[in-house]
Amino acid sequence: MLTMAQVENQVKLFSLDEQLHLLAYIANTMKSRASSTVLPVTKGQTKRHAGGLTGDFYMADDFDETPDCFKEYV
């Protein structure tokens, strides 16, 4: 496990662009952790059912077709 001082020393070696990417990653991680609270299941709650996300995802009609750029390898 790294100490905070060791982490700071490593980050100082990064370019400015890498530091900005790291900060964006940390901010995104913190935001997603705050929004992903897991509630415990208690008596009386309904059970999950299949198809709850129907219509939320799209798959292209040609999903299983080999792209032209890979046809020479197949």
PDB file of N, CA and C in Angstrom:
ATOM      1  N   MET A   1       0.847  -1.173   0.000  1.00  0.00           N
ATOM      2  CA  MET A   1       0.000   0.000   0.000  1.00  0.00           C
ATOM      3  C   MET A   1       0.888   1.230   0.000  1.00  0.00           C
ATOM      4  N   LEU A   2       0.582   2.155  -0.888  1.00  0.00           N
ATOM      5  CA  LEU A   2       1.356   3.395  -0.973  1.00  0.00           C
ATOM      6  C   LEU A   2       0.866   4.408   0.050  1.00  0.00           C
ATOM      7  N   THR A   3       1.788   5.197   0.556  1.00  0.00           N
ATOM      8  CA  THR A   3       1.398   6.309   1.416  1.00  0.00           C
ATOM      9  C   THR A   3       0.960   7.470   0.532  1.00  0.00           C
ATOM     10  N   MET A   4       0.308   8.445   1.121  1.00  0.00           N
ATOM     11  CA  MET A   4      -0.145   9.607   0.362  1.00  0.00           C
ATOM     12  C   MET A   4       1.047  10.367  -0.222  1.00  0.00           C
ATOM     13  N   ALA A   5       2.137  10.445   0.527  1.00  0.00           N
ATOM     14  CA  ALA A   5       3.335  11.131   0.034  1.00  0.00           C
ATOM     15  C   ALA A   5       3.900  10.417  -1.188  1.00  0.00           C
ATOM     16  N   GLN A   6       3.885   9.085  -1.195  1.00  0.00           N
ATOM     17  CA  GLN A   6       4.374   8.327  -2.342  1.00  0.00           C
ATOM     18  C   GLN A   6       3.476   8.547  -3.565  1.00  0.00           C
ATOM     19  N   VAL A   7       2.180   8.596  -3.333  1.00  0.00           N
ATOM     20  CA  VAL A   7       1.248   8.856  -4.432  1.00  0.00           C
ATOM     21  C   VAL A   7       1.495  10.249  -5.011  1.00  0.00           C
ATOM     22  N   GLU A   8       1.656  11.237  -4.135  1.00  0.00           N
ATOM     23  CA  GLU A   8       1.913  12.602  -4.598  1.00  0.00           C
ATOM     24  C   GLU A   8       3.199  12.671  -5.417  1.00  0.00           C
ATOM     25  N   ASN A   9       4.238  11.975  -4.969  1.00  0.00           N
ATOM     26  CA  ASN A   9       5.500  11.972  -5.716  1.00  0.00           C
ATOM     27  C   ASN A   9       5.338  11.336  -7.090  1.00  0.00           C
ATOM     28  N   GLN A  10       4.557  10.277  -7.169  1.00  0.00           N
ATOM     29  CA  GLN A  10       4.326   9.616  -8.452  1.00  0.00           C
ATOM     30  C   GLN A  10       3.525  10.526  -9.387  1.00  0.00           C
ATOM     31  N   VAL A  11       2.512  11.195  -8.849  1.00  0.00           N
ATOM     32  CA  VAL A  11       1.671  12.065  -9.667  1.00  0.00           C
ATOM     33  C   VAL A  11       2.475  13.252 -10.190  1.00  0.00           C
ATOM     34  N   LYS A  12       3.426  13.733  -9.424  1.00  0.00           N
ATOM     35  CA  LYS A  12       4.258  14.857  -9.860  1.00  0.00           C
ATOM     36  C   LYS A  12       5.088  14.496 -11.091  1.00  0.00           C
ATOM     37  N   LEU A  13       5.327  13.197 -11.291  1.00  0.00           N
ATOM     38  CA  LEU A  13       6.083  12.742 -12.454  1.00  0.00           C
ATOM     39  C   LEU A  13       5.221  12.717 -13.724  1.00  0.00           C
ATOM     40  N   PHE A  14       3.906  12.779 -13.571  1.00  0.00           N
ATOM     41  CA  PHE A  14       2.992  12.765 -14.708  1.00  0.00           C
ATOM     42  C   PHE A  14       3.067  14.092 -15.454  1.00  0.00           C
ATOM     43  N   SER A  15       2.750  14.037 -16.727  1.00  0.00           N
ATOM     44  CA  SER A  15       2.603  15.282 -17.497  1.00  0.00           C
ATOM     45  C   SER A  15       1.320  15.976 -17.047  1.00  0.00           C
ATOM     46  N   LEU A  16       1.150  17.228 -17.417  1.00  0.00           N
ATOM     47  CA  LEU A  16      -0.053  17.966 -17.041  1.00  0.00           C
ATOM     48  C   LEU A  16      -1.294  17.282 -17.603  1.00  0.00           C
ATOM     49  N   ASP A  17      -1.215  16.799 -18.835  1.00  0.00           N
ATOM     50  CA  ASP A  17      -2.343  16.110 -19.454  1.00  0.00           C
ATOM     51  C   ASP A  17      -2.700  14.841 -18.673  1.00  0.00           C
ATOM     52  N   GLU A  18      -1.700  14.080 -18.251  1.00  0.00           N
ATOM     53  CA  GLU A  18      -1.939  12.868 -17.471  1.00  0.00           C
ATOM     54  C   GLU A  18      -2.542  13.202 -16.110  1.00  0.00           C
ATOM     55  N   GLN A  19      -2.089  14.283 -15.502  1.00  0.00           N
ATOM     56  CA  GLN A  19      -2.649  14.702 -14.215  1.00  0.00           C
ATOM     57  C   GLN A  19      -4.123  15.079 -14.362  1.00  0.00           C
ATOM     58  N   LEU A  20      -4.457  15.778 -15.453  1.00  0.00           N
ATOM     59  CA  LEU A  20      -5.851  16.147 -15.689  1.00  0.00           C
ATOM     60  C   LEU A  20      -6.726  14.918 -15.918  1.00  0.00           C
ATOM     61  N   HIS A  21      -6.203  13.934 -16.652  1.00  0.00           N
ATOM     62  CA  HIS A  21      -6.940  12.689 -16.861  1.00  0.00           C
ATOM     63  C   HIS A  21      -7.161  11.969 -15.534  1.00  0.00           C
ATOM     64  N   LEU A  22      -6.134  11.951 -14.695  1.00  0.00           N
ATOM     65  CA  LEU A  22      -6.245  11.306 -13.394  1.00  0.00           C
ATOM     66  C   LEU A  22      -7.305  11.992 -12.536  1.00  0.00           C
ATOM     67  N   LEU A  23      -7.304  13.315 -12.523  1.00  0.00           N
ATOM     68  CA  LEU A  23      -8.307  14.059 -11.756  1.00  0.00           C
ATOM     69  C   LEU A  23      -9.710  13.793 -12.280  1.00  0.00           C
ATOM     70  N   ALA A  24      -9.865  13.724 -13.596  1.00  0.00           N
ATOM     71  CA  ALA A  24     -11.174  13.431 -14.186  1.00  0.00           C
ATOM     72  C   ALA A  24     -11.622  12.021 -13.803  1.00  0.00           C
ATOM     73  N   TYR A  25     -10.695  11.075 -13.800  1.00  0.00           N
ATOM     74  CA  TYR A  25     -11.015   9.700 -13.403  1.00  0.00           C
ATOM     75  C   TYR A  25     -11.466   9.645 -11.945  1.00  0.00           C
ATOM     76  N   ILE A  26     -10.749  10.342 -11.082  1.00  0.00           N
ATOM     77  CA  ILE A  26     -11.104  10.354  -9.664  1.00  0.00           C
ATOM     78  C   ILE A  26     -12.476  10.990  -9.467  1.00  0.00           C
ATOM     79  N   ALA A  27     -12.735  12.109 -10.139  1.00  0.00           N
ATOM     80  CA  ALA A  27     -14.027  12.785 -10.017  1.00  0.00           C
ATOM     81  C   ALA A  27     -15.152  11.880 -10.500  1.00  0.00           C
ATOM     82  N   ASN A  28     -14.939  11.186 -11.606  1.00  0.00           N
ATOM     83  CA  ASN A  28     -15.954  10.282 -12.146  1.00  0.00           C
ATOM     84  C   ASN A  28     -16.201   9.120 -11.194  1.00  0.00           C
ATOM     85  N   THR A  29     -15.136   8.586 -10.611  1.00  0.00           N
ATOM     86  CA  THR A  29     -15.271   7.479  -9.665  1.00  0.00           C
ATOM     87  C   THR A  29     -16.048   7.919  -8.432  1.00  0.00           C
ATOM     88  N   MET A  30     -15.721   9.092  -7.917  1.00  0.00           N
ATOM     89  CA  MET A  30     -16.420   9.596  -6.735  1.00  0.00           C
ATOM     90  C   MET A  30     -17.896   9.829  -7.031  1.00  0.00           C
ATOM     91  N   LYS A  31     -18.201  10.353  -8.223  1.00  0.00           N
ATOM     92  CA  LYS A  31     -19.588  10.605  -8.601  1.00  0.00           C
ATOM     93  C   LYS A  31     -20.361   9.297  -8.722  1.00  0.00           C
ATOM     94  N   SER A  32     -19.746   8.280  -9.329  1.00  0.00           N
ATOM     95  CA  SER A  32     -20.450   7.015  -9.513  1.00  0.00           C
ATOM     96  C   SER A  32     -20.616   6.277  -8.188  1.00  0.00           C
ATOM     97  N   ARG A  33     -19.668   6.414  -7.272  1.00  0.00           N
ATOM     98  CA  ARG A  33     -19.801   5.781  -5.958  1.00  0.00           C
ATOM     99  C   ARG A  33     -20.932   6.416  -5.170  1.00  0.00           C
ATOM    100  N   ALA A  34     -21.092   7.735  -5.295  1.00  0.00           N
ATOM    101  CA  ALA A  34     -22.142   8.430  -4.562  1.00  0.00           C
ATOM    102  C   ALA A  34     -23.529   8.073  -5.083  1.00  0.00           C
ATOM    103  N   SER A  35     -23.622   7.773  -6.373  1.00  0.00           N
ATOM    104  CA  SER A  35     -24.930   7.490  -6.962  1.00  0.00           C
ATOM    105  C   SER A  35     -25.271   6.009  -6.959  1.00  0.00           C
ATOM    106  N   SER A  36     -24.368   5.157  -6.504  1.00  0.00           N
ATOM    107  CA  SER A  36     -24.633   3.716  -6.548  1.00  0.00           C
ATOM    108  C   SER A  36     -24.839   3.156  -5.148  1.00  0.00           C
ATOM    109  N   THR A  37     -25.800   3.691  -4.440  1.00  0.00           N
ATOM    110  CA  THR A  37     -26.103   3.167  -3.120  1.00  0.00           C
ATOM    111  C   THR A  37     -26.944   1.918  -3.268  1.00  0.00           C
ATOM    112  N   VAL A  38     -26.612   0.895  -2.534  1.00  0.00           N
ATOM    113  CA  VAL A  38     -27.321  -0.375  -2.590  1.00  0.00           C
ATOM    114  C   VAL A  38     -28.246  -0.449  -1.382  1.00  0.00           C
ATOM    115  N   LEU A  39     -29.522  -0.587  -1.642  1.00  0.00           N
ATOM    116  CA  LEU A  39     -30.489  -0.678  -0.571  1.00  0.00           C
ATOM    117  C   LEU A  39     -30.706  -2.135  -0.182  1.00  0.00           C
ATOM    118  N   PRO A  40     -30.785  -2.433   1.093  1.00  0.00           N
ATOM    119  CA  PRO A  40     -31.004  -3.825   1.510  1.00  0.00           C
ATOM    120  C   PRO A  40     -32.427  -4.266   1.173  1.00  0.00           C
ATOM    121  N   VAL A  41     -32.586  -5.549   0.902  1.00  0.00           N
ATOM    122  CA  VAL A  41     -33.903  -6.110   0.613  1.00  0.00           C
ATOM    123  C   VAL A  41     -34.592  -6.390   1.939  1.00  0.00           C
ATOM    124  N   THR A  42     -35.778  -5.885   2.087  1.00  0.00           N
ATOM    125  CA  THR A  42     -36.546  -6.122   3.306  1.00  0.00           C
ATOM    126  C   THR A  42     -37.825  -6.852   2.959  1.00  0.00           C
ATOM    127  N   LYS A  43     -38.470  -7.403   3.963  1.00  0.00           N
ATOM    128  CA  LYS A  43     -39.723  -8.117   3.735  1.00  0.00           C
ATOM    129  C   LYS A  43     -40.749  -7.186   3.127  1.00  0.00           C
ATOM    130  N   GLY A  44     -41.546  -7.713   2.245  1.00  0.00           N
ATOM    131  CA  GLY A  44     -42.593  -6.927   1.627  1.00  0.00           C
ATOM    132  C   GLY A  44     -42.195  -6.317   0.298  1.00  0.00           C
ATOM    133  N   GLN A  45     -40.895  -6.313  -0.015  1.00  0.00           N
ATOM    134  CA  GLN A  45     -40.482  -5.780  -1.304  1.00  0.00           C
ATOM    135  C   GLN A  45     -40.747  -6.811  -2.388  1.00  0.00           C
ATOM    136  N   THR A  46     -41.079  -6.333  -3.577  1.00  0.00           N
ATOM    137  CA  THR A  46     -41.318  -7.251  -4.678  1.00  0.00           C
ATOM    138  C   THR A  46     -39.990  -7.768  -5.213  1.00  0.00           C
ATOM    139  N   LYS A  47     -40.006  -8.977  -5.716  1.00  0.00           N
ATOM    140  CA  LYS A  47     -38.805  -9.570  -6.290  1.00  0.00           C
ATOM    141  C   LYS A  47     -38.579  -9.026  -7.691  1.00  0.00           C
ATOM    142  N   ARG A  48     -37.330  -9.091  -8.131  1.00  0.00           N
ATOM    143  CA  ARG A  48     -37.013  -8.659  -9.488  1.00  0.00           C
ATOM    144  C   ARG A  48     -37.670  -9.590 -10.495  1.00  0.00           C
ATOM    145  N   HIS A  49     -37.947  -9.064 -11.658  1.00  0.00           N
ATOM    146  CA  HIS A  49     -38.540  -9.880 -12.712  1.00  0.00           C
ATOM    147  C   HIS A  49     -37.791  -9.665 -14.020  1.00  0.00           C
ATOM    148  N   ALA A  50     -37.795 -10.676 -14.847  1.00  0.00           N
ATOM    149  CA  ALA A  50     -37.102 -10.607 -16.129  1.00  0.00           C
ATOM    150  C   ALA A  50     -37.767  -9.575 -17.030  1.00  0.00           C
ATOM    151  N   GLY A  51     -36.951  -8.863 -17.798  1.00  0.00           N
ATOM    152  CA  GLY A  51     -37.476  -7.912 -18.759  1.00  0.00           C
ATOM    153  C   GLY A  51     -37.636  -6.511 -18.217  1.00  0.00           C
ATOM    154  N   GLY A  52     -37.078  -6.232 -17.057  1.00  0.00           N
ATOM    155  CA  GLY A  52     -37.219  -4.912 -16.461  1.00  0.00           C
ATOM    156  C   GLY A  52     -36.554  -3.804 -17.254  1.00  0.00           C
ATOM    157  N   LEU A  53     -35.568  -4.141 -18.055  1.00  0.00           N
ATOM    158  CA  LEU A  53     -34.860  -3.138 -18.854  1.00  0.00           C
ATOM    159  C   LEU A  53     -35.211  -3.225 -20.338  1.00  0.00           C
ATOM    160  N   THR A  54     -36.311  -3.856 -20.643  1.00  0.00           N
ATOM    161  CA  THR A  54     -36.727  -3.996 -22.035  1.00  0.00           C
ATOM    162  C   THR A  54     -36.875  -2.624 -22.680  1.00  0.00           C
ATOM    163  N   GLY A  55     -36.251  -2.466 -23.842  1.00  0.00           N
ATOM    164  CA  GLY A  55     -36.327  -1.206 -24.570  1.00  0.00           C
ATOM    165  C   GLY A  55     -35.228  -0.224 -24.220  1.00  0.00           C
ATOM    166  N   ASP A  56     -34.433  -0.510 -23.205  1.00  0.00           N
ATOM    167  CA  ASP A  56     -33.358   0.407 -22.807  1.00  0.00           C
ATOM    168  C   ASP A  56     -32.066   0.172 -23.583  1.00  0.00           C
ATOM    169  N   PHE A  57     -31.966  -0.941 -24.294  1.00  0.00           N
ATOM    170  CA  PHE A  57     -30.751  -1.269 -25.033  1.00  0.00           C
ATOM    171  C   PHE A  57     -31.084  -1.519 -26.487  1.00  0.00           C
ATOM    172  N   TYR A  58     -30.118  -1.206 -27.350  1.00  0.00           N
ATOM    173  CA  TYR A  58     -30.303  -1.391 -28.785  1.00  0.00           C
ATOM    174  C   TYR A  58     -29.128  -2.186 -29.319  1.00  0.00           C
ATOM    175  N   MET A  59     -29.408  -3.171 -30.165  1.00  0.00           N
ATOM    176  CA  MET A  59     -28.356  -3.931 -30.828  1.00  0.00           C
ATOM    177  C   MET A  59     -28.596  -3.834 -32.333  1.00  0.00           C
ATOM    178  N   ALA A  60     -27.556  -3.477 -33.045  1.00  0.00           N
ATOM    179  CA  ALA A  60     -27.671  -3.308 -34.488  1.00  0.00           C
ATOM    180  C   ALA A  60     -28.082  -4.613 -35.154  1.00  0.00           C
ATOM    181  N   ASP A  61     -28.815  -4.497 -36.252  1.00  0.00           N
ATOM    182  CA  ASP A  61     -29.266  -5.686 -36.981  1.00  0.00           C
ATOM    183  C   ASP A  61     -28.102  -6.505 -37.522  1.00  0.00           C
ATOM    184  N   ASP A  62     -26.985  -5.847 -37.863  1.00  0.00           N
ATOM    185  CA  ASP A  62     -25.837  -6.546 -38.425  1.00  0.00           C
ATOM    186  C   ASP A  62     -24.777  -6.876 -37.362  1.00  0.00           C
ATOM    187  N   PHE A  63     -25.188  -7.007 -36.108  1.00  0.00           N
ATOM    188  CA  PHE A  63     -24.256  -7.244 -35.007  1.00  0.00           C
ATOM    189  C   PHE A  63     -23.391  -8.485 -35.235  1.00  0.00           C
ATOM    190  N   ASP A  64     -23.977  -9.577 -35.714  1.00  0.00           N
ATOM    191  CA  ASP A  64     -23.246 -10.840 -35.880  1.00  0.00           C
ATOM    192  C   ASP A  64     -22.450 -10.913 -37.183  1.00  0.00           C
ATOM    193  N   GLU A  65     -22.575  -9.930 -38.051  1.00  0.00           N
ATOM    194  CA  GLU A  65     -21.839  -9.958 -39.312  1.00  0.00           C
ATOM    195  C   GLU A  65     -20.394  -9.530 -39.101  1.00  0.00           C
ATOM    196  N   THR A  66     -19.499 -10.149 -39.858  1.00  0.00           N
ATOM    197  CA  THR A  66     -18.085  -9.796 -39.782  1.00  0.00           C
ATOM    198  C   THR A  66     -17.838  -8.491 -40.523  1.00  0.00           C
ATOM    199  N   PRO A  67     -17.182  -7.518 -39.863  1.00  0.00           N
ATOM    200  CA  PRO A  67     -16.888  -6.253 -40.548  1.00  0.00           C
ATOM    201  C   PRO A  67     -15.967  -6.495 -41.756  1.00  0.00           C
ATOM    202  N   ASP A  68     -16.098  -5.659 -42.769  1.00  0.00           N
ATOM    203  CA  ASP A  68     -15.318  -5.819 -44.003  1.00  0.00           C
ATOM    204  C   ASP A  68     -13.814  -5.849 -43.725  1.00  0.00           C
ATOM    205  N   CYS A  69     -13.348  -5.055 -42.775  1.00  0.00           N
ATOM    206  CA  CYS A  69     -11.912  -4.993 -42.514  1.00  0.00           C
ATOM    207  C   CYS A  69     -11.374  -6.279 -41.890  1.00  0.00           C
ATOM    208  N   PHE A  70     -12.228  -7.192 -41.409  1.00  0.00           N
ATOM    209  CA  PHE A  70     -11.769  -8.444 -40.807  1.00  0.00           C
ATOM    210  C   PHE A  70     -12.023  -9.653 -41.689  1.00  0.00           C
ATOM    211  N   LYS A  71     -12.690  -9.469 -42.819  1.00  0.00           N
ATOM    212  CA  LYS A  71     -13.065 -10.599 -43.659  1.00  0.00           C
ATOM    213  C   LYS A  71     -11.862 -11.378 -44.184  1.00  0.00           C
ATOM    214  N   GLU A  72     -10.739 -10.697 -44.391  1.00  0.00           N
ATOM    215  CA  GLU A  72      -9.547 -11.398 -44.895  1.00  0.00           C
ATOM    216  C   GLU A  72      -8.963 -12.356 -43.848  1.00  0.00           C
ATOM    217  N   TYR A  73      -9.294 -12.168 -42.588  1.00  0.00           N
ATOM    218  CA  TYR A  73      -8.763 -13.017 -41.511  1.00  0.00           C
ATOM    219  C   TYR A  73      -9.651 -14.212 -41.204  1.00  0.00           C
ATOM    220  N   VAL A  74     -10.874 -14.205 -41.725  1.00  0.00           N
ATOM    221  CA  VAL A  74     -11.821 -15.276 -41.419  1.00  0.00           C
ATOM    222  C   VAL A  74     -11.776 -16.349 -42.463  1.00  0.00           C
TER     223      VAL A  74
END
